[in-house]
Amino acid sequence: MRTRAKGLTALLLGALLATAAPAATATTAAATTPVRGLEIGVPAYVYPNQQMLLDVQAAQPAPSIVILNPNNGDNPFDASWQARADALRARTTATGEHTRVLGYVHTERGTRDRDAVLASVRNYLVTTDGKLHVDGIFFDTTSRDCGPDNAQRDYYLDLRRQVQALVHSIDPAAQELVVNNPGTAVADCFLEAGKRTADTFVTFEGSYAAYTGSWLGGNVFNLTAGYYSGAAFDPSGTGYWHLVHAVPDATAMRTALSTAFTRGAGYAYATDDVLPNPWDASPSWGFGAETAYAGTLG
């Protein structure tokens, strides 16, 4: 399993901003107080019975989100995966809800063939027993720029609508969760009212050194406002997610989570695991220490 989107350095962020699409209609607004504290969302890029997922399942309180990744969504989401997903979804989080499980689907910055992407989506959602075993889809390597005439944005908007339609055809009462992972600040056209491409956006994925050092800040951007918090797009306090790897120790883990909350993230995850795949082992301090500390924030 390969790890995809990486946190970008300040230099690359600046270069990307210079080529970003024109500003969306939304403008910067004063930050609002989120209605939730910080929650933990774990990318678990291992096979269903490996130790990391056993550790995630045993954590008390449980993480709020877990991403499952059967070979980047290309392997069948078979009975062993479904059983692990069901077990995770039975766990209780610090907010008293159940853990939500997402299926991993890569998109290659909006260049992957739409039919291939939707085949991966159906791999998770369409099962022989006709039941939902996941709560939604984690779209990885997503574009962060609108594209000409918002073409990139609309590619992801269509994917979200396809997920919504498929989930509701299986279970009309289900509340699906769609996440986009550009790994950095996203153009605010992706959050435009009526055309929002995801419930939650991963707006940082990278190392602890970058997160506490060179990160420019801001979950969204446009050419007029530059980088800004994006709080106006996030009334629930769950719109942004920060993923931090190569965290030195448990003290630094708490610093990373506190920083994430200060920067407007509703979800975060910190690990001392490192590249090339920093999402394939449990953090040395344990998942419970992380979920418990996150519950104190907010």
Protein backbone atom coordinates (compact mmCIF):
# COMPACT_ATOMS: atom_id res chain seq x y z
CA MET A 1 0.00 0.00 0.00
CA ARG A 2 1.45 3.32 -0.94
CA THR A 3 1.05 6.61 0.84
CA ARG A 4 -0.17 9.38 -1.35
CA ALA A 5 -0.73 13.07 -0.51
CA LYS A 6 2.13 14.65 1.43
CA GLY A 7 2.22 17.89 3.42
CA LEU A 8 3.72 20.58 1.21
CA THR A 9 6.58 22.86 2.17
CA ALA A 10 6.15 26.59 2.28
CA LEU A 11 7.98 26.97 -1.04
CA LEU A 12 5.65 24.59 -2.86
CA LEU A 13 2.61 26.14 -1.24
CA GLY A 14 3.66 29.51 -2.51
CA ALA A 15 4.15 28.17 -6.00
CA LEU A 16 0.76 26.52 -6.00
CA LEU A 17 -0.93 29.66 -4.75
CA ALA A 18 0.54 31.59 -7.64
CA THR A 19 -1.28 29.29 -10.07
CA ALA A 20 -4.50 28.89 -8.11
CA ALA A 21 -7.88 29.51 -9.70
CA PRO A 22 -9.70 32.85 -9.28
CA ALA A 23 -11.42 33.55 -6.01
CA ALA A 24 -14.74 31.89 -5.30
CA THR A 25 -17.77 33.92 -4.31
CA ALA A 26 -17.23 33.28 -0.60
CA THR A 27 -15.02 35.76 1.25
CA THR A 28 -13.09 35.80 4.47
CA ALA A 29 -15.22 36.00 7.60
CA ALA A 30 -14.52 36.21 11.28
CA ALA A 31 -13.89 32.89 13.00
CA THR A 32 -16.85 31.31 14.71
CA THR A 33 -16.73 29.11 17.77
CA PRO A 34 -16.95 25.44 16.71
CA VAL A 35 -19.67 23.39 18.35
CA ARG A 36 -17.35 20.39 18.79
CA GLY A 37 -13.92 19.85 20.23
CA LEU A 38 -11.07 18.06 18.51
CA GLU A 39 -11.59 14.46 17.41
CA ILE A 40 -9.16 11.82 16.15
CA GLY A 41 -9.33 10.43 12.61
CA VAL A 42 -6.89 7.62 11.83
CA PRO A 43 -5.63 6.57 8.38
CA ALA A 44 -4.91 2.86 8.94
CA TYR A 45 -3.15 1.67 5.80
CA VAL A 46 -2.72 -1.95 6.83
CA TYR A 47 -4.56 -5.21 6.22
CA PRO A 48 -7.66 -6.01 8.28
CA ASN A 49 -6.09 -8.29 10.88
CA GLN A 50 -2.78 -6.49 11.37
CA GLN A 51 -1.83 -5.11 14.76
CA MET A 52 -2.49 -1.45 13.97
CA LEU A 53 -6.17 -2.08 13.33
CA LEU A 54 -6.43 -4.30 16.40
CA ASP A 55 -4.96 -1.44 18.43
CA VAL A 56 -7.35 1.08 16.87
CA GLN A 57 -10.31 -1.14 17.68
CA ALA A 58 -9.19 -1.53 21.30
CA ALA A 59 -8.70 2.20 21.94
CA GLN A 60 -10.80 3.84 24.63
CA PRO A 61 -12.30 6.21 23.74
CA ALA A 62 -12.42 5.10 20.12
CA PRO A 63 -11.29 7.33 17.26
CA SER A 64 -14.08 9.19 15.50
CA ILE A 65 -12.98 8.13 11.99
CA VAL A 66 -10.90 5.24 10.65
CA ILE A 67 -9.85 4.94 7.00
CA LEU A 68 -9.52 1.41 5.63
CA ASN A 69 -7.25 0.87 2.64
CA PRO A 70 -7.32 -2.45 0.75
CA ASN A 71 -4.42 -1.78 -1.64
CA ASN A 72 -5.56 1.78 -2.43
CA GLY A 73 -9.12 0.55 -2.96
CA ASP A 74 -8.11 -1.84 -5.73
CA ASN A 75 -8.43 -5.10 -3.74
CA PRO A 76 -11.92 -6.50 -3.04
CA PHE A 77 -13.56 -5.23 0.12
CA ASP A 78 -14.29 -8.81 1.11
CA ALA A 79 -15.64 -10.51 4.22
CA SER A 80 -12.49 -9.96 6.28
CA TRP A 81 -12.53 -6.24 5.56
CA GLN A 82 -16.27 -6.01 6.17
CA ALA A 83 -15.93 -7.76 9.54
CA ARG A 84 -13.20 -5.36 10.64
CA ALA A 85 -15.26 -2.37 9.49
CA ASP A 86 -18.29 -3.61 11.39
CA ALA A 87 -16.23 -4.12 14.56
CA LEU A 88 -14.78 -0.62 14.32
CA ARG A 89 -18.19 0.94 13.71
CA ALA A 90 -19.46 -0.65 16.93
CA ARG A 91 -16.94 1.30 19.02
CA THR A 92 -17.89 4.42 21.00
CA THR A 93 -16.06 7.73 20.68
CA ALA A 94 -15.46 10.46 23.26
CA THR A 95 -18.57 12.26 21.96
CA GLY A 96 -20.73 9.18 22.59
CA GLU A 97 -21.14 8.42 18.90
CA HIS A 98 -19.95 5.40 16.94
CA THR A 99 -16.71 5.34 14.98
CA ARG A 100 -17.25 6.05 11.31
CA VAL A 101 -15.31 4.01 8.76
CA LEU A 102 -14.29 5.31 5.34
CA GLY A 103 -13.07 3.48 2.27
CA TYR A 104 -9.91 4.79 0.60
CA VAL A 105 -10.12 5.82 -3.09
CA HIS A 106 -7.32 7.58 -4.98
CA THR A 107 -8.03 10.20 -7.66
CA GLU A 108 -4.61 11.37 -8.93
CA ARG A 109 -5.37 15.10 -8.59
CA GLY A 110 -8.52 14.77 -10.65
CA THR A 111 -6.86 12.97 -13.56
CA ARG A 112 -7.97 9.42 -12.75
CA ASP A 113 -10.73 8.15 -15.01
CA ARG A 114 -14.11 8.83 -13.43
CA ASP A 115 -15.40 5.33 -14.12
CA ALA A 116 -12.35 3.80 -12.44
CA VAL A 117 -12.89 6.00 -9.39
CA LEU A 118 -16.55 5.02 -9.20
CA ALA A 119 -15.62 1.34 -9.51
CA SER A 120 -13.48 1.77 -6.39
CA VAL A 121 -16.37 3.54 -4.65
CA ARG A 122 -18.73 0.66 -5.46
CA ASN A 123 -16.12 -1.79 -4.18
CA TYR A 124 -16.84 -0.47 -0.67
CA LEU A 125 -20.52 0.33 -0.91
CA VAL A 126 -22.04 -2.44 -3.02
CA THR A 127 -21.76 -5.72 -1.11
CA THR A 128 -23.28 -9.15 -1.57
CA ASP A 129 -25.37 -8.82 1.58
CA GLY A 130 -26.78 -5.46 0.46
CA LYS A 131 -25.66 -3.72 3.66
CA LEU A 132 -23.42 -0.72 4.27
CA HIS A 133 -20.17 -1.68 6.00
CA VAL A 134 -18.61 1.77 5.65
CA ASP A 135 -19.96 5.25 6.29
CA GLY A 136 -18.49 6.93 3.25
CA ILE A 137 -15.44 7.53 1.10
CA PHE A 138 -12.03 9.11 1.67
CA PHE A 139 -10.93 10.53 -1.68
CA ASP A 140 -7.14 10.83 -1.62
CA THR A 141 -4.76 12.83 -3.84
CA THR A 142 -7.50 15.31 -4.62
CA SER A 143 -6.91 18.55 -6.48
CA ARG A 144 -6.66 21.75 -4.46
CA ASP A 145 -7.24 24.13 -7.39
CA CYS A 146 -10.56 24.97 -9.04
CA GLY A 147 -9.33 24.41 -12.59
CA PRO A 148 -10.56 26.20 -15.75
CA ASP A 149 -14.26 27.00 -15.35
CA ASN A 150 -14.15 25.08 -12.05
CA ALA A 151 -13.59 21.81 -13.92
CA GLN A 152 -11.47 20.29 -11.14
CA ARG A 153 -13.98 21.33 -8.50
CA ASP A 154 -16.85 19.88 -10.52
CA TYR A 155 -15.05 16.53 -10.94
CA TYR A 156 -15.11 16.13 -7.16
CA LEU A 157 -18.60 17.57 -6.82
CA ASP A 158 -19.87 14.85 -9.15
CA LEU A 159 -18.06 12.18 -7.13
CA ARG A 160 -19.65 13.39 -3.92
CA ARG A 161 -23.11 13.33 -5.48
CA GLN A 162 -22.50 9.82 -6.78
CA VAL A 163 -21.53 8.65 -3.29
CA GLN A 164 -24.59 10.30 -1.78
CA ALA A 165 -26.94 8.71 -4.32
CA LEU A 166 -25.41 5.26 -3.91
CA VAL A 167 -25.44 5.34 -0.09
CA HIS A 168 -29.03 6.53 0.02
CA SER A 169 -30.13 3.87 -2.49
CA ILE A 170 -28.79 1.25 -0.07
CA ASP A 171 -29.93 2.89 3.17
CA PRO A 172 -32.11 6.01 2.85
CA ALA A 173 -31.56 6.81 6.54
CA ALA A 174 -27.75 6.72 6.36
CA GLN A 175 -25.73 9.89 6.82
CA GLU A 176 -22.76 9.52 4.49
CA LEU A 177 -19.37 11.12 5.07
CA VAL A 178 -17.18 12.26 2.17
CA VAL A 179 -13.62 13.49 2.72
CA ASN A 180 -11.27 15.14 0.19
CA ASN A 181 -7.53 15.01 0.83
CA PRO A 182 -5.52 17.62 -1.06
CA GLY A 183 -3.01 17.48 1.83
CA THR A 184 -2.82 21.27 1.95
CA ALA A 185 -5.06 24.34 1.92
CA VAL A 186 -7.86 24.02 -0.62
CA ALA A 187 -9.30 26.70 -2.90
CA ASP A 188 -12.53 27.98 -1.41
CA CYS A 189 -14.49 27.16 -4.57
CA PHE A 190 -14.54 23.60 -3.19
CA LEU A 191 -16.63 24.85 -0.25
CA GLU A 192 -18.99 27.07 -2.20
CA ALA A 193 -22.59 26.83 -1.02
CA GLY A 194 -24.48 24.18 -2.99
CA LYS A 195 -21.27 22.96 -4.65
CA ARG A 196 -19.24 21.76 -1.70
CA THR A 197 -17.27 18.69 -2.74
CA ALA A 198 -16.85 17.07 0.70
CA ASP A 199 -17.98 17.24 4.29
CA THR A 200 -14.37 17.39 5.49
CA PHE A 201 -11.05 18.37 3.88
CA VAL A 202 -7.57 17.23 4.91
CA THR A 203 -5.79 20.57 4.75
CA PHE A 204 -2.46 19.43 6.17
CA GLU A 205 -0.62 16.15 5.68
CA GLY A 206 3.05 16.20 6.53
CA SER A 207 5.76 16.04 9.15
CA TYR A 208 5.76 17.50 12.63
CA ALA A 209 8.75 19.66 11.68
CA ALA A 210 6.82 21.20 8.79
CA TYR A 211 3.65 21.58 10.84
CA THR A 212 5.33 23.44 13.67
CA GLY A 213 7.86 25.24 11.48
CA SER A 214 7.31 26.10 7.83
CA TRP A 215 3.53 25.65 7.53
CA LEU A 216 2.01 28.86 6.18
CA GLY A 217 -1.30 28.41 7.96
CA GLY A 218 -4.88 28.53 6.72
CA ASN A 219 -7.22 25.76 5.65
CA VAL A 220 -8.48 27.51 2.51
CA PHE A 221 -7.26 30.16 0.09
CA ASN A 222 -8.13 32.39 -2.82
CA LEU A 223 -6.09 34.87 -4.80
CA THR A 224 -7.70 37.88 -3.12
CA ALA A 225 -7.60 36.82 0.52
CA GLY A 226 -4.62 34.48 0.35
CA TYR A 227 -4.61 31.79 3.05
CA TYR A 228 -7.24 32.03 5.77
CA SER A 229 -8.91 29.87 8.40
CA GLY A 230 -12.05 28.95 6.50
CA ALA A 231 -14.11 29.13 9.69
CA ALA A 232 -17.04 30.66 7.82
CA PHE A 233 -17.36 27.42 5.85
CA ASP A 234 -17.27 25.27 8.99
CA PRO A 235 -20.21 25.93 11.33
CA SER A 236 -20.04 22.39 12.75
CA GLY A 237 -16.32 22.57 13.54
CA THR A 238 -15.68 19.34 11.60
CA GLY A 239 -14.70 20.71 8.19
CA TYR A 240 -10.90 20.32 8.40
CA TRP A 241 -8.54 17.49 9.28
CA HIS A 242 -4.78 17.64 9.94
CA LEU A 243 -2.50 14.59 9.65
CA VAL A 244 0.94 14.86 11.24
CA HIS A 245 3.67 12.21 11.10
CA ALA A 246 7.23 11.92 12.45
CA VAL A 247 6.05 13.32 15.80
CA PRO A 248 8.97 12.84 18.23
CA ASP A 249 7.18 11.81 21.42
CA ALA A 250 3.99 11.99 23.46
CA THR A 251 4.65 15.59 24.51
CA ALA A 252 5.00 16.59 20.87
CA MET A 253 1.81 14.64 20.11
CA ARG A 254 -0.09 16.86 22.53
CA THR A 255 1.51 19.93 20.96
CA ALA A 256 0.45 18.76 17.49
CA LEU A 257 -3.14 18.16 18.58
CA SER A 258 -3.37 21.48 20.43
CA THR A 259 -1.96 23.23 17.37
CA ALA A 260 -4.46 21.50 15.11
CA PHE A 261 -7.34 22.66 17.26
CA THR A 262 -5.99 26.22 17.34
CA ARG A 263 -5.71 26.15 13.55
CA GLY A 264 -9.35 25.23 13.13
CA ALA A 265 -9.13 21.47 12.61
CA GLY A 266 -12.05 19.40 13.82
CA TYR A 267 -10.14 16.17 13.24
CA ALA A 268 -6.45 15.41 13.65
CA TYR A 269 -4.03 12.55 14.00
CA ALA A 270 -0.42 12.56 15.20
CA THR A 271 1.97 9.62 14.95
CA ASP A 272 5.67 8.89 15.36
CA ASP A 273 5.47 6.61 12.32
CA VAL A 274 7.55 7.91 9.39
CA LEU A 275 7.80 7.87 5.61
CA PRO A 276 7.53 6.13 3.21
CA ASN A 277 4.23 5.06 4.80
CA PRO A 278 3.59 6.88 8.08
CA TRP A 279 0.10 5.38 8.40
CA ASP A 280 0.97 1.69 8.85
CA ALA A 281 1.84 1.39 12.57
CA SER A 282 0.37 2.40 15.91
CA PRO A 283 1.93 5.43 17.63
CA SER A 284 4.21 4.44 20.49
CA TRP A 285 2.02 6.27 23.04
CA GLY A 286 -1.10 4.35 21.95
CA PHE A 287 -4.35 5.46 20.39
CA GLY A 288 -6.13 5.82 23.73
CA ALA A 289 -3.69 8.45 24.94
CA GLU A 290 -4.39 10.44 21.80
CA THR A 291 -8.17 10.16 21.81
CA ALA A 292 -8.28 10.96 25.53
CA TYR A 293 -6.14 14.09 25.13
CA ALA A 294 -8.14 15.29 22.11
CA GLY A 295 -11.27 15.03 24.24
CA THR A 296 -9.89 17.67 26.59
CA LEU A 297 -9.62 20.26 23.83
CA GLY A 298 -12.48 22.56 23.05
